[in-house]
């Protein structure tokens, strides 16, 4: 099994918030993150470096 095969994410941008969820879950179920845009930029920058 490909270890990366089951990695899915959904991202939605709104003013002041970035909504992130596992796209395998229905939109209204499962855990969700809502970081501020500045925090999201730092997260993505760190992920790109690794």
N, C-alpha and C. Protein backbone atom coordinates (compact mmCIF):
# COMPACT_ATOMS: atom_id res chain seq x y z
N UNK A 1 0.84 -1.18 0.00
CA UNK A 1 0.00 0.00 0.00
C UNK A 1 0.89 1.24 0.00
N UNK A 2 0.54 2.20 -0.79
CA UNK A 2 1.25 3.47 -0.85
C UNK A 2 0.93 4.28 0.39
N UNK A 3 1.93 4.62 1.23
CA UNK A 3 1.63 5.34 2.46
C UNK A 3 1.04 6.73 2.23
N UNK A 4 1.28 7.33 1.09
CA UNK A 4 0.74 8.66 0.82
C UNK A 4 -0.63 8.64 0.16
N UNK A 5 -1.10 7.46 -0.17
CA UNK A 5 -2.35 7.35 -0.92
C UNK A 5 -3.56 7.86 -0.16
N UNK A 6 -3.60 7.68 1.14
CA UNK A 6 -4.77 8.06 1.93
C UNK A 6 -4.67 9.45 2.54
N UNK A 7 -3.76 10.25 2.08
CA UNK A 7 -3.60 11.60 2.63
C UNK A 7 -4.38 12.59 1.77
N UNK A 8 -5.45 13.09 2.33
CA UNK A 8 -6.30 14.03 1.61
C UNK A 8 -6.60 15.22 2.51
N UNK A 9 -6.69 16.37 1.93
CA UNK A 9 -7.04 17.54 2.72
C UNK A 9 -7.84 18.51 1.90
N UNK A 10 -8.67 19.25 2.57
CA UNK A 10 -9.44 20.30 1.92
C UNK A 10 -9.12 21.62 2.58
N UNK A 11 -8.95 22.64 1.77
CA UNK A 11 -8.62 23.97 2.28
C UNK A 11 -9.61 24.97 1.67
N UNK A 12 -10.18 25.80 2.52
CA UNK A 12 -11.09 26.87 2.05
C UNK A 12 -10.62 28.18 2.67
N UNK A 13 -10.48 29.18 1.85
CA UNK A 13 -10.03 30.49 2.31
C UNK A 13 -11.22 31.42 2.51
N UNK A 14 -11.23 32.11 3.63
CA UNK A 14 -12.20 33.16 3.92
C UNK A 14 -11.45 34.32 4.52
N UNK A 15 -11.97 35.52 4.45
CA UNK A 15 -11.28 36.65 5.06
C UNK A 15 -11.00 36.39 6.55
N UNK A 16 -9.75 36.41 6.92
CA UNK A 16 -9.37 36.24 8.31
C UNK A 16 -9.22 34.82 8.80
N UNK A 17 -9.56 33.82 7.97
CA UNK A 17 -9.49 32.42 8.40
C UNK A 17 -9.18 31.51 7.22
N UNK A 18 -8.43 30.45 7.51
CA UNK A 18 -8.20 29.38 6.54
C UNK A 18 -8.80 28.12 7.16
N UNK A 19 -9.76 27.51 6.50
CA UNK A 19 -10.41 26.30 7.02
C UNK A 19 -9.74 25.08 6.40
N UNK A 20 -9.33 24.14 7.26
CA UNK A 20 -8.63 22.95 6.80
C UNK A 20 -9.34 21.73 7.39
N UNK A 21 -9.58 20.71 6.55
CA UNK A 21 -10.21 19.49 7.04
C UNK A 21 -9.73 18.31 6.22
N UNK A 22 -9.94 17.12 6.74
CA UNK A 22 -9.65 15.88 6.04
C UNK A 22 -10.79 15.66 5.04
N UNK A 23 -10.49 15.63 3.76
CA UNK A 23 -11.55 15.56 2.75
C UNK A 23 -12.23 14.20 2.70
N UNK A 24 -11.72 13.20 3.43
CA UNK A 24 -12.40 11.90 3.51
C UNK A 24 -13.64 11.99 4.39
N UNK A 25 -13.71 13.00 5.27
CA UNK A 25 -14.87 13.20 6.13
C UNK A 25 -15.89 14.06 5.41
N UNK A 26 -17.15 13.88 5.75
CA UNK A 26 -18.18 14.77 5.22
C UNK A 26 -17.90 16.19 5.70
N UNK A 27 -18.38 17.17 4.98
CA UNK A 27 -18.07 18.57 5.29
C UNK A 27 -18.46 18.99 6.70
N UNK A 28 -19.51 18.41 7.24
CA UNK A 28 -19.97 18.83 8.58
C UNK A 28 -19.58 17.86 9.69
N UNK A 29 -18.64 16.94 9.41
CA UNK A 29 -18.19 15.99 10.43
C UNK A 29 -16.68 15.99 10.51
N UNK A 30 -16.17 15.41 11.57
CA UNK A 30 -14.73 15.26 11.71
C UNK A 30 -14.05 16.54 12.18
N UNK A 31 -12.78 16.41 12.56
CA UNK A 31 -12.05 17.56 13.06
C UNK A 31 -11.74 18.56 11.94
N UNK A 32 -11.68 19.82 12.32
CA UNK A 32 -11.34 20.89 11.39
C UNK A 32 -10.42 21.87 12.09
N UNK A 33 -9.56 22.49 11.34
CA UNK A 33 -8.68 23.54 11.84
C UNK A 33 -9.11 24.85 11.20
N UNK A 34 -8.92 25.94 11.91
CA UNK A 34 -9.24 27.26 11.37
C UNK A 34 -8.16 28.26 11.81
N UNK A 35 -6.93 28.09 11.30
CA UNK A 35 -5.87 29.02 11.69
C UNK A 35 -6.02 30.38 11.02
N UNK A 36 -5.42 31.37 11.63
CA UNK A 36 -5.36 32.70 11.00
C UNK A 36 -4.47 32.58 9.76
N UNK A 37 -4.69 33.42 8.76
CA UNK A 37 -3.88 33.35 7.54
C UNK A 37 -2.37 33.42 7.81
N UNK A 38 -1.96 34.23 8.77
CA UNK A 38 -0.54 34.34 9.07
C UNK A 38 0.02 33.02 9.57
N UNK A 39 -0.72 32.32 10.41
CA UNK A 39 -0.29 31.02 10.92
C UNK A 39 -0.24 30.00 9.78
N UNK A 40 -1.20 30.05 8.87
CA UNK A 40 -1.23 29.12 7.74
C UNK A 40 -0.01 29.34 6.85
N UNK A 41 0.35 30.59 6.61
CA UNK A 41 1.53 30.89 5.79
C UNK A 41 2.78 30.30 6.43
N UNK A 42 2.93 30.43 7.75
CA UNK A 42 4.08 29.86 8.46
C UNK A 42 4.08 28.34 8.36
N UNK A 43 2.92 27.72 8.50
CA UNK A 43 2.81 26.26 8.39
C UNK A 43 3.23 25.79 7.00
N UNK A 44 2.69 26.41 5.98
CA UNK A 44 3.00 26.00 4.60
C UNK A 44 4.48 26.21 4.31
N UNK A 45 5.03 27.32 4.75
CA UNK A 45 6.46 27.58 4.54
C UNK A 45 7.31 26.49 5.18
N UNK A 46 6.94 26.07 6.39
CA UNK A 46 7.67 24.99 7.05
C UNK A 46 7.51 23.67 6.34
N UNK A 47 6.31 23.40 5.83
CA UNK A 47 6.06 22.13 5.13
C UNK A 47 6.83 22.06 3.82
N UNK A 48 6.98 23.18 3.16
CA UNK A 48 7.70 23.21 1.89
C UNK A 48 9.18 22.92 2.10
N UNK A 49 9.72 23.36 3.22
CA UNK A 49 11.14 23.16 3.50
C UNK A 49 11.48 21.71 3.84
N UNK A 50 10.49 20.92 4.27
CA UNK A 50 10.79 19.54 4.69
C UNK A 50 10.57 18.55 3.57
